[in-house]
Amino acid sequence: MRSDGRNRDELRKIEIIPDFTHTSGGSVLIKCGNTHVLCTAMLDNKTMPFKEGTGEGWLTAEYAMLPSSTITRKQREGGKPDGRSTEIKRLIGRSLREAIDYKKLGERTIWIDCDVLQADGGTRTASITGGYVALRLGVEKWLKEGLLEEDPVVRQISAVSVGIVNGEPILDLCYVEDSHADVDMNVISTDEGKFVEIQGTGEGRSFSSAELNELLSLAEKGNAELRAAQLEALKR
């Protein structure tokens, strides 16, 4: 029995609220159980220095946890973010860049900002899943406003966690499960059924290829359901 009564192949309740803030880009509040993340997409009319003169744009990401997002107050990050935040923002950026055709974007930069309002495990995967919807909403707005000539989004991206807890492979770990997991994994994939990135670690023990395949099957199921939720949110 899982801590919240779910089946081992069941996602937490997902809610994606589009246009959560009124900005010049796209925004969503994504709720994955008790993990709540505000994701926004903003457009900068210049590319990164290393892309200048190439005709190509870039997508980059930022990630932060609000002080009250955890049970004990998390100190605000100053000029230098902690190592965990840096690793997560790089993951978000790598994942969502797979959604973009740089040539169609032109020499512009899309910024994806993910701010964790409440954390209960899976903040990085929620950020990627919500970040994609914010990106899609932002692009639709920029096309209508004439800020973009072409739609640069070429594929859909989602992310979910899987792991082995008490010997059982499970989908979408909450914090209690994550903190006791023998194996912890994040799987980012596309609507084409391809993997963007797999982060897997034997926290308490090593794992077999059979267990890996079972975890990937669970992740495939979860990501398919998350992509359906993304599309549903984009219809609103």
Protein backbone atom coordinates (compact mmCIF):
# COMPACT_ATOMS: atom_id res chain seq x y z
CA MET A 1 0.00 0.00 0.00
CA ARG A 2 1.40 3.39 -1.02
CA SER A 3 1.44 6.29 1.44
CA ASP A 4 -1.48 8.01 -0.34
CA GLY A 5 -3.39 4.87 -1.32
CA ARG A 6 -2.58 4.94 -5.04
CA ASN A 7 -1.95 1.89 -7.19
CA ARG A 8 1.71 1.41 -8.06
CA ASP A 9 1.09 2.48 -11.70
CA GLU A 10 -1.09 5.49 -10.83
CA LEU A 11 -0.15 9.16 -11.17
CA ARG A 12 -1.02 11.67 -8.51
CA LYS A 13 -3.98 13.90 -9.35
CA ILE A 14 -2.87 16.28 -12.11
CA GLU A 15 -4.25 19.78 -12.61
CA ILE A 16 -2.80 22.25 -15.12
CA ILE A 17 -4.24 25.75 -14.89
CA PRO A 18 -3.36 27.85 -17.98
CA ASP A 19 -2.88 31.63 -18.00
CA PHE A 20 -2.33 31.67 -14.25
CA THR A 21 -0.54 35.00 -14.44
CA HIS A 22 -1.12 37.84 -16.91
CA THR A 23 2.28 38.34 -18.52
CA SER A 24 3.49 38.93 -22.05
CA GLY A 25 4.16 35.21 -22.38
CA GLY A 26 2.58 31.92 -21.34
CA SER A 27 1.99 30.71 -17.81
CA VAL A 28 0.53 27.73 -15.98
CA LEU A 29 0.17 26.51 -12.44
CA ILE A 30 0.75 22.76 -12.46
CA LYS A 31 -0.39 20.66 -9.51
CA CYS A 32 0.92 17.11 -9.21
CA GLY A 33 -0.69 16.05 -5.96
CA ASN A 34 0.76 18.37 -3.33
CA THR A 35 3.58 19.59 -5.57
CA HIS A 36 2.61 22.96 -7.08
CA VAL A 37 4.84 24.78 -9.57
CA LEU A 38 4.31 28.08 -11.38
CA CYS A 39 5.82 27.89 -14.88
CA THR A 40 6.13 30.90 -17.18
CA ALA A 41 7.53 31.46 -20.67
CA MET A 42 8.91 34.83 -21.80
CA LEU A 43 10.42 35.92 -25.12
CA ASP A 44 13.63 37.94 -25.46
CA ASN A 45 14.18 39.48 -28.88
CA LYS A 46 17.85 38.51 -28.99
CA THR A 47 19.66 35.22 -28.93
CA MET A 48 22.47 34.08 -26.66
CA PRO A 49 25.94 35.45 -27.53
CA PHE A 50 27.20 32.07 -28.78
CA LYS A 51 24.28 31.93 -31.26
CA GLU A 52 24.68 35.43 -32.70
CA GLY A 53 24.99 35.46 -36.48
CA THR A 54 23.75 31.87 -36.85
CA GLY A 55 20.09 32.71 -37.47
CA GLU A 56 19.22 30.41 -34.57
CA GLY A 57 17.62 31.04 -31.20
CA TRP A 58 17.86 29.34 -27.81
CA LEU A 59 15.74 28.22 -24.89
CA THR A 60 16.98 28.45 -21.31
CA ALA A 61 15.42 27.81 -17.92
CA GLU A 62 15.52 28.97 -14.32
CA TYR A 63 14.31 27.04 -11.26
CA ALA A 64 13.78 28.07 -7.64
CA MET A 65 11.91 26.95 -4.55
CA LEU A 66 10.06 29.53 -2.50
CA PRO A 67 11.01 29.71 1.20
CA SER A 68 7.61 28.31 2.28
CA SER A 69 7.58 25.50 -0.30
CA THR A 70 8.94 22.99 2.23
CA ILE A 71 8.06 22.11 5.83
CA THR A 72 11.07 23.98 7.17
CA ARG A 73 11.81 27.37 5.63
CA LYS A 74 14.13 27.17 2.63
CA GLN A 75 16.56 30.08 2.52
CA ARG A 76 16.28 32.26 -0.57
CA GLU A 77 19.07 31.84 -3.05
CA GLY A 78 21.30 34.87 -3.42
CA GLY A 79 23.56 35.63 -6.35
CA LYS A 80 24.83 32.05 -6.55
CA PRO A 81 22.18 29.28 -6.68
CA ASP A 82 22.82 26.02 -4.86
CA GLY A 83 24.05 22.98 -6.74
CA ARG A 84 20.68 21.24 -6.78
CA SER A 85 18.89 24.22 -8.34
CA THR A 86 21.62 24.58 -10.96
CA GLU A 87 21.38 20.90 -11.90
CA ILE A 88 17.57 21.06 -12.14
CA LYS A 89 17.43 24.22 -14.24
CA ARG A 90 19.91 22.67 -16.67
CA LEU A 91 17.73 19.56 -16.89
CA ILE A 92 14.64 21.67 -17.60
CA GLY A 93 16.48 23.62 -20.28
CA ARG A 94 17.89 20.50 -21.97
CA SER A 95 14.49 18.83 -21.92
CA LEU A 96 12.49 21.71 -23.37
CA ARG A 97 15.10 22.59 -26.00
CA GLU A 98 14.17 19.26 -27.57
CA ALA A 99 10.73 20.80 -28.30
CA ILE A 100 12.22 23.68 -30.31
CA ASP A 101 13.47 24.17 -33.87
CA TYR A 102 16.17 26.83 -33.38
CA LYS A 103 15.98 28.02 -36.99
CA LYS A 104 12.23 28.64 -36.80
CA LEU A 105 12.72 30.56 -33.57
CA GLY A 106 15.21 32.91 -35.22
CA GLU A 107 17.72 34.88 -33.17
CA ARG A 108 15.55 35.07 -30.05
CA THR A 109 15.65 33.50 -26.60
CA ILE A 110 12.77 31.84 -24.76
CA TRP A 111 13.05 31.90 -20.98
CA ILE A 112 11.23 29.25 -18.96
CA ASP A 113 10.96 30.13 -15.26
CA CYS A 114 9.81 27.47 -12.80
CA ASP A 115 9.04 28.52 -9.22
CA VAL A 116 8.04 25.84 -6.74
CA LEU A 117 5.22 27.08 -4.52
CA GLN A 118 4.81 23.80 -2.65
CA ALA A 119 7.05 20.73 -2.78
CA ASP A 120 6.07 17.11 -2.22
CA GLY A 121 8.44 15.28 -4.57
CA GLY A 122 8.80 15.46 -8.34
CA THR A 123 9.36 19.21 -8.62
CA ARG A 124 11.74 18.86 -11.57
CA THR A 125 9.41 16.61 -13.55
CA ALA A 126 6.42 18.86 -12.80
CA SER A 127 8.50 21.84 -13.94
CA ILE A 128 9.24 20.19 -17.28
CA THR A 129 5.66 19.06 -17.84
CA GLY A 130 4.22 22.46 -16.88
CA GLY A 131 7.04 24.30 -18.64
CA TYR A 132 6.04 22.72 -21.95
CA VAL A 133 2.46 23.99 -21.61
CA ALA A 134 3.69 27.49 -20.71
CA LEU A 135 5.97 27.35 -23.77
CA ARG A 136 3.13 26.30 -26.06
CA LEU A 137 0.84 29.04 -24.71
CA GLY A 138 3.56 31.65 -25.07
CA VAL A 139 4.32 30.68 -28.66
CA GLU A 140 0.64 30.88 -29.61
CA LYS A 141 0.48 34.38 -28.15
CA TRP A 142 3.70 35.54 -29.84
CA LEU A 143 2.53 34.24 -33.22
CA LYS A 144 -0.72 36.19 -32.92
CA GLU A 145 1.17 39.33 -31.91
CA GLY A 146 3.59 38.99 -34.83
CA LEU A 147 6.60 38.53 -32.55
CA LEU A 148 7.30 35.19 -34.23
CA GLU A 149 6.99 34.40 -37.94
CA GLU A 150 6.94 30.60 -37.59
CA ASP A 151 5.89 28.14 -34.93
CA PRO A 152 9.17 26.80 -33.49
CA VAL A 153 7.56 24.04 -31.39
CA VAL A 154 8.10 20.73 -33.18
CA ARG A 155 7.32 18.13 -30.49
CA GLN A 156 5.63 17.64 -27.12
CA ILE A 157 7.68 16.99 -23.96
CA SER A 158 6.67 15.57 -20.59
CA ALA A 159 8.48 14.11 -17.58
CA VAL A 160 7.69 11.78 -14.70
CA SER A 161 9.47 10.03 -11.85
CA VAL A 162 9.56 6.29 -11.18
CA GLY A 163 11.34 4.29 -8.54
CA ILE A 164 11.60 1.14 -6.46
CA VAL A 165 10.26 1.47 -2.93
CA ASN A 166 10.06 -1.51 -0.57
CA GLY A 167 10.90 -3.76 -3.51
CA GLU A 168 8.04 -2.47 -5.68
CA PRO A 169 8.47 -0.45 -8.89
CA ILE A 170 6.11 2.55 -8.63
CA LEU A 171 5.10 5.57 -10.68
CA ASP A 172 5.23 9.26 -9.72
CA LEU A 173 6.88 9.31 -6.30
CA CYS A 174 5.74 11.74 -3.62
CA TYR A 175 8.28 13.00 -1.08
CA VAL A 176 7.78 10.20 1.47
CA GLU A 177 8.32 7.59 -1.23
CA ASP A 178 11.23 9.42 -2.80
CA SER A 179 13.02 9.77 0.52
CA HIS A 180 12.81 5.99 1.09
CA ALA A 181 13.41 4.84 -2.49
CA ASP A 182 16.02 2.17 -3.22
CA VAL A 183 16.04 3.29 -6.86
CA ASP A 184 15.05 6.76 -8.06
CA MET A 185 14.60 7.73 -11.71
CA ASN A 186 13.33 10.66 -13.79
CA VAL A 187 12.25 9.97 -17.37
CA ILE A 188 11.72 12.73 -19.94
CA SER A 189 10.17 11.71 -23.26
CA THR A 190 8.48 13.02 -26.40
CA ASP A 191 5.14 12.40 -28.07
CA GLU A 192 7.12 10.41 -30.66
CA GLY A 193 7.88 7.84 -27.97
CA LYS A 194 11.54 8.77 -27.72
CA PHE A 195 13.56 9.50 -24.59
CA VAL A 196 15.07 12.95 -24.08
CA GLU A 197 16.84 12.06 -20.85
CA ILE A 198 16.84 9.31 -18.23
CA GLN A 199 18.27 10.01 -14.78
CA GLY A 200 18.46 6.83 -12.74
CA THR A 201 20.28 6.15 -9.49
CA GLY A 202 20.54 3.19 -7.16
CA GLU A 203 20.09 5.11 -3.92
CA GLY A 204 19.85 2.06 -1.65
CA ARG A 205 20.90 -0.76 -3.95
CA SER A 206 21.75 -1.63 -7.53
CA PHE A 207 19.02 -2.66 -9.97
CA SER A 208 18.70 -5.18 -12.78
CA SER A 209 17.94 -4.71 -16.47
CA ALA A 210 14.55 -6.35 -15.88
CA GLU A 211 13.77 -3.79 -13.17
CA LEU A 212 14.98 -0.99 -15.45
CA ASN A 213 12.63 -2.16 -18.21
CA GLU A 214 9.72 -2.28 -15.78
CA LEU A 215 10.48 1.25 -14.57
CA LEU A 216 10.66 2.52 -18.15
CA SER A 217 7.30 0.87 -18.93
CA LEU A 218 5.75 2.63 -15.93
CA ALA A 219 7.29 5.93 -17.06
CA GLU A 220 5.95 5.43 -20.59
CA LYS A 221 2.43 4.97 -19.20
CA GLY A 222 2.75 8.01 -16.93
CA ASN A 223 4.17 10.26 -19.63
CA ALA A 224 1.38 9.31 -22.04
CA GLU A 225 -1.18 10.35 -19.40
CA LEU A 226 0.69 13.58 -18.69
CA ARG A 227 0.79 14.47 -22.39
CA ALA A 228 -2.96 13.95 -22.56
CA ALA A 229 -3.35 16.32 -19.58
CA GLN A 230 -1.13 18.88 -21.32
CA LEU A 231 -3.28 18.78 -24.46
CA GLU A 232 -6.45 19.07 -22.41
CA ALA A 233 -5.09 22.18 -20.65
CA LEU A 234 -4.19 23.73 -24.01
CA LYS A 235 -7.82 23.40 -25.18
CA ARG A 236 -9.10 25.77 -22.48
